[in-house]
Amino acid sequence: MMFSSIDFEIWILMHFESVTRSYTRKELVQKLSRSAYFNQDYSRFKGNSYREYIFDKVQDAVDHANKLYRKKSDWINDDPFTNIQIYLPEIFKRDNF
């Protein structure tokens, strides 16, 4: 099962940087709204196409997620947590992004 804790936005943030600490949903929205990320109110952007923002950063997200997963792999108790990177090769039928 694919899962990201506290929110799917942990996985989105991993396209930009390594994530090692817990965030509230509000903190994630505020962070992703900054100019270094989506440069707009992320809560209003959410659900639109992410392609121009993260398409070329998927391998970075995979690398960041693998790093986190080596330290935090208990999806019930760990925060942050994601295992999305494990399923990407199966979903997209490729190993590199």
N, C-alpha and C. Protein backbone atom coordinates (compact mmCIF):
# COMPACT_ATOMS: atom_id res chain seq x y z
N MET A 1 0.84 -1.17 0.00
CA MET A 1 0.00 0.00 0.00
C MET A 1 0.89 1.25 0.00
N MET A 2 0.59 2.18 -0.88
CA MET A 2 1.31 3.45 -0.92
C MET A 2 0.75 4.37 0.15
N PHE A 3 1.69 5.06 0.82
CA PHE A 3 1.27 5.91 1.93
C PHE A 3 2.30 6.99 2.18
N SER A 4 1.83 8.19 2.51
CA SER A 4 2.69 9.29 2.96
C SER A 4 2.06 9.90 4.20
N SER A 5 2.87 10.07 5.21
CA SER A 5 2.39 10.67 6.45
C SER A 5 3.18 11.95 6.70
N ILE A 6 2.60 12.94 6.99
CA ILE A 6 1.31 13.27 7.51
C ILE A 6 0.33 13.51 6.36
N ASP A 7 0.85 13.75 5.22
CA ASP A 7 0.04 14.14 4.08
C ASP A 7 0.79 13.79 2.80
N PHE A 8 0.09 13.73 1.70
CA PHE A 8 0.73 13.51 0.40
C PHE A 8 1.77 14.59 0.11
N GLU A 9 1.59 15.76 0.69
CA GLU A 9 2.51 16.87 0.44
C GLU A 9 3.93 16.60 0.96
N ILE A 10 4.10 15.63 1.84
CA ILE A 10 5.45 15.21 2.23
C ILE A 10 6.17 14.70 0.98
N TRP A 11 5.49 13.89 0.19
CA TRP A 11 6.06 13.37 -1.06
C TRP A 11 6.34 14.53 -2.03
N ILE A 12 5.45 15.48 -2.14
CA ILE A 12 5.66 16.64 -3.02
C ILE A 12 6.87 17.43 -2.56
N LEU A 13 7.00 17.68 -1.27
CA LEU A 13 8.14 18.43 -0.74
C LEU A 13 9.45 17.71 -1.04
N MET A 14 9.44 16.39 -1.07
CA MET A 14 10.66 15.63 -1.35
C MET A 14 11.20 15.88 -2.76
N HIS A 15 10.40 16.42 -3.64
CA HIS A 15 10.90 16.79 -4.97
C HIS A 15 11.87 17.97 -4.89
N PHE A 16 11.77 18.72 -3.82
CA PHE A 16 12.58 19.93 -3.65
C PHE A 16 13.70 19.77 -2.63
N GLU A 17 13.49 18.94 -1.62
CA GLU A 17 14.48 18.83 -0.54
C GLU A 17 14.27 17.55 0.24
N SER A 18 15.30 17.20 0.98
CA SER A 18 15.22 16.06 1.89
C SER A 18 14.30 16.43 3.05
N VAL A 19 13.49 15.49 3.47
CA VAL A 19 12.56 15.72 4.57
C VAL A 19 12.94 14.78 5.71
N THR A 20 13.23 15.38 6.86
CA THR A 20 13.64 14.58 8.00
C THR A 20 12.83 14.88 9.25
N ARG A 21 12.02 15.92 9.20
CA ARG A 21 11.24 16.27 10.39
C ARG A 21 9.76 16.25 10.06
N SER A 22 8.97 16.21 11.09
CA SER A 22 7.52 16.22 10.95
C SER A 22 7.03 17.65 10.66
N TYR A 23 5.98 17.74 9.87
CA TYR A 23 5.32 19.02 9.55
C TYR A 23 3.83 18.86 9.81
N THR A 24 3.19 19.94 10.20
CA THR A 24 1.73 19.93 10.23
C THR A 24 1.25 20.19 8.80
N ARG A 25 0.00 19.95 8.53
CA ARG A 25 -0.56 20.25 7.21
C ARG A 25 -0.42 21.74 6.90
N LYS A 26 -0.69 22.56 7.90
CA LYS A 26 -0.58 24.01 7.72
C LYS A 26 0.85 24.41 7.37
N GLU A 27 1.83 23.84 8.05
CA GLU A 27 3.23 24.14 7.75
C GLU A 27 3.60 23.72 6.33
N LEU A 28 3.10 22.57 5.90
CA LEU A 28 3.39 22.10 4.54
C LEU A 28 2.80 23.05 3.50
N VAL A 29 1.58 23.48 3.69
CA VAL A 29 0.94 24.41 2.75
C VAL A 29 1.71 25.73 2.72
N GLN A 30 2.08 26.24 3.87
CA GLN A 30 2.84 27.49 3.92
C GLN A 30 4.19 27.35 3.23
N LYS A 31 4.88 26.26 3.48
CA LYS A 31 6.19 26.03 2.88
C LYS A 31 6.08 25.89 1.36
N LEU A 32 5.14 25.08 0.90
CA LEU A 32 4.99 24.86 -0.54
C LEU A 32 4.45 26.09 -1.27
N SER A 33 3.91 27.04 -0.56
CA SER A 33 3.42 28.29 -1.17
C SER A 33 4.56 29.27 -1.46
N ARG A 34 5.71 29.06 -0.87
CA ARG A 34 6.84 29.99 -1.03
C ARG A 34 7.38 30.00 -2.46
N SER A 35 8.12 31.04 -2.76
CA SER A 35 8.65 31.22 -4.12
C SER A 35 9.60 30.11 -4.56
N ALA A 36 10.30 29.50 -3.64
CA ALA A 36 11.22 28.42 -4.00
C ALA A 36 10.51 27.13 -4.40
N TYR A 37 9.20 27.08 -4.18
CA TYR A 37 8.43 25.88 -4.45
C TYR A 37 7.37 26.17 -5.52
N PHE A 38 6.15 26.52 -5.14
CA PHE A 38 5.08 26.75 -6.11
C PHE A 38 4.78 28.22 -6.34
N ASN A 39 5.32 29.10 -5.52
CA ASN A 39 5.20 30.55 -5.69
C ASN A 39 3.74 31.03 -5.82
N GLN A 40 2.87 30.42 -5.06
CA GLN A 40 1.45 30.78 -5.04
C GLN A 40 0.82 30.06 -3.85
N ASP A 41 -0.39 30.41 -3.53
CA ASP A 41 -1.10 29.78 -2.43
C ASP A 41 -1.31 28.30 -2.77
N TYR A 42 -0.54 27.45 -2.14
CA TYR A 42 -0.57 26.03 -2.46
C TYR A 42 -1.95 25.42 -2.19
N SER A 43 -2.65 25.90 -1.20
CA SER A 43 -3.97 25.33 -0.90
C SER A 43 -4.94 25.56 -2.06
N ARG A 44 -4.75 26.63 -2.81
CA ARG A 44 -5.59 26.88 -4.00
C ARG A 44 -5.05 26.16 -5.23
N PHE A 45 -3.73 25.96 -5.25
CA PHE A 45 -3.09 25.28 -6.38
C PHE A 45 -3.36 23.78 -6.37
N LYS A 46 -3.38 23.20 -5.20
CA LYS A 46 -3.51 21.75 -5.04
C LYS A 46 -4.60 21.20 -5.95
N GLY A 47 -4.25 20.15 -6.68
CA GLY A 47 -5.19 19.53 -7.61
C GLY A 47 -4.96 19.93 -9.05
N ASN A 48 -4.16 20.98 -9.28
CA ASN A 48 -3.79 21.38 -10.64
C ASN A 48 -2.60 20.55 -11.10
N SER A 49 -2.14 20.77 -12.30
CA SER A 49 -1.02 20.02 -12.84
C SER A 49 0.29 20.41 -12.14
N TYR A 50 0.99 19.41 -11.65
CA TYR A 50 2.28 19.60 -10.98
C TYR A 50 3.43 19.52 -11.99
N ARG A 51 3.14 19.16 -13.20
CA ARG A 51 4.16 18.83 -14.18
C ARG A 51 5.27 19.87 -14.29
N GLU A 52 4.95 21.13 -14.46
CA GLU A 52 5.99 22.14 -14.66
C GLU A 52 6.82 22.38 -13.40
N TYR A 53 6.33 21.98 -12.26
CA TYR A 53 7.03 22.22 -11.00
C TYR A 53 7.91 21.06 -10.55
N ILE A 54 7.47 19.83 -10.81
CA ILE A 54 8.20 18.69 -10.23
C ILE A 54 8.58 17.60 -11.23
N PHE A 55 8.16 17.70 -12.48
CA PHE A 55 8.40 16.63 -13.46
C PHE A 55 9.88 16.25 -13.55
N ASP A 56 10.75 17.24 -13.57
CA ASP A 56 12.18 16.96 -13.71
C ASP A 56 12.86 16.70 -12.36
N LYS A 57 12.08 16.57 -11.30
CA LYS A 57 12.63 16.37 -9.96
C LYS A 57 12.19 15.04 -9.33
N VAL A 58 11.64 14.16 -10.11
CA VAL A 58 11.13 12.90 -9.56
C VAL A 58 12.26 12.07 -8.99
N GLN A 59 13.40 12.01 -9.68
CA GLN A 59 14.52 11.22 -9.16
C GLN A 59 15.01 11.79 -7.83
N ASP A 60 15.00 13.11 -7.68
CA ASP A 60 15.36 13.72 -6.40
C ASP A 60 14.40 13.26 -5.31
N ALA A 61 13.12 13.24 -5.62
CA ALA A 61 12.12 12.80 -4.64
C ALA A 61 12.34 11.33 -4.25
N VAL A 62 12.64 10.51 -5.23
CA VAL A 62 12.91 9.09 -4.97
C VAL A 62 14.13 8.97 -4.05
N ASP A 63 15.19 9.69 -4.36
CA ASP A 63 16.41 9.64 -3.53
C ASP A 63 16.14 10.11 -2.10
N HIS A 64 15.40 11.21 -1.97
CA HIS A 64 15.07 11.74 -0.64
C HIS A 64 14.18 10.75 0.13
N ALA A 65 13.22 10.17 -0.57
CA ALA A 65 12.31 9.22 0.07
C ALA A 65 13.05 7.95 0.50
N ASN A 66 13.97 7.48 -0.32
CA ASN A 66 14.75 6.30 0.06
C ASN A 66 15.61 6.58 1.30
N LYS A 67 16.18 7.76 1.35
CA LYS A 67 16.98 8.15 2.51
C LYS A 67 16.12 8.15 3.78
N LEU A 68 14.94 8.74 3.69
CA LEU A 68 14.03 8.76 4.83
C LEU A 68 13.59 7.35 5.20
N TYR A 69 13.28 6.53 4.20
CA TYR A 69 12.77 5.17 4.43
C TYR A 69 13.79 4.30 5.16
N ARG A 70 15.08 4.55 4.91
CA ARG A 70 16.11 3.79 5.62
C ARG A 70 16.09 4.09 7.12
N LYS A 71 15.62 5.28 7.49
CA LYS A 71 15.56 5.68 8.90
C LYS A 71 14.17 5.48 9.51
N LYS A 72 13.14 5.68 8.69
CA LYS A 72 11.76 5.63 9.19
C LYS A 72 10.92 4.79 8.23
N SER A 73 10.70 3.54 8.59
CA SER A 73 9.97 2.64 7.70
C SER A 73 8.72 2.03 8.34
N ASP A 74 8.32 2.57 9.46
CA ASP A 74 7.11 2.09 10.14
C ASP A 74 5.96 3.05 9.80
N TRP A 75 5.14 2.66 8.84
CA TRP A 75 4.11 3.57 8.33
C TRP A 75 3.06 3.94 9.37
N ILE A 76 2.94 3.15 10.41
CA ILE A 76 1.95 3.45 11.45
C ILE A 76 2.48 4.46 12.45
N ASN A 77 3.74 4.34 12.83
CA ASN A 77 4.28 5.16 13.92
C ASN A 77 5.23 6.28 13.50
N ASP A 78 5.79 6.20 12.31
CA ASP A 78 6.78 7.20 11.90
C ASP A 78 6.14 8.40 11.19
N ASP A 79 6.65 9.57 11.51
CA ASP A 79 6.21 10.81 10.87
C ASP A 79 7.42 11.73 10.81
N PRO A 80 7.92 12.03 9.65
CA PRO A 80 7.33 11.76 8.34
C PRO A 80 7.60 10.33 7.87
N PHE A 81 6.81 9.90 6.92
CA PHE A 81 6.94 8.58 6.30
C PHE A 81 6.38 8.66 4.89
N THR A 82 7.05 7.99 3.98
CA THR A 82 6.48 7.74 2.66
C THR A 82 7.09 6.47 2.10
N ASN A 83 6.31 5.78 1.30
CA ASN A 83 6.83 4.62 0.58
C ASN A 83 6.43 4.70 -0.90
N ILE A 84 6.02 5.84 -1.33
CA ILE A 84 5.59 6.03 -2.73
C ILE A 84 6.69 5.62 -3.69
N GLN A 85 7.94 5.95 -3.35
CA GLN A 85 9.06 5.66 -4.23
C GLN A 85 9.20 4.17 -4.54
N ILE A 86 8.75 3.32 -3.66
CA ILE A 86 8.85 1.87 -3.86
C ILE A 86 7.97 1.42 -5.02
N TYR A 87 6.85 2.09 -5.22
CA TYR A 87 5.87 1.67 -6.21
C TYR A 87 6.02 2.35 -7.57
N LEU A 88 6.83 3.39 -7.66
CA LEU A 88 6.96 4.11 -8.93
C LEU A 88 7.46 3.24 -10.08
N PRO A 89 8.48 2.40 -9.89
CA PRO A 89 8.92 1.56 -11.03
C PRO A 89 7.80 0.67 -11.57
N GLU A 90 6.98 0.14 -10.69
CA GLU A 90 5.86 -0.70 -11.12
C GLU A 90 4.80 0.11 -11.84
N ILE A 91 4.50 1.28 -11.33
CA ILE A 91 3.46 2.13 -11.92
C ILE A 91 3.87 2.62 -13.30
N PHE A 92 5.12 3.09 -13.41
CA PHE A 92 5.59 3.71 -14.65
C PHE A 92 6.40 2.78 -15.53
N LYS A 93 6.61 1.55 -15.09
CA LYS A 93 7.35 0.53 -15.86
C LYS A 93 8.74 1.03 -16.23
N ARG A 94 9.42 1.66 -15.24
CA ARG A 94 10.79 2.11 -15.44
C ARG A 94 11.46 2.24 -14.08
N ASP A 95 12.78 2.18 -14.08
CA ASP A 95 13.53 2.23 -12.83
C ASP A 95 14.15 3.60 -12.54
N ASN A 96 14.40 4.37 -13.59
CA ASN A 96 15.02 5.68 -13.41
C ASN A 96 14.07 6.79 -13.82
N PHE A 97 14.18 7.91 -13.13
CA PHE A 97 13.30 9.02 -13.40
C PHE A 97 14.12 10.25 -13.65
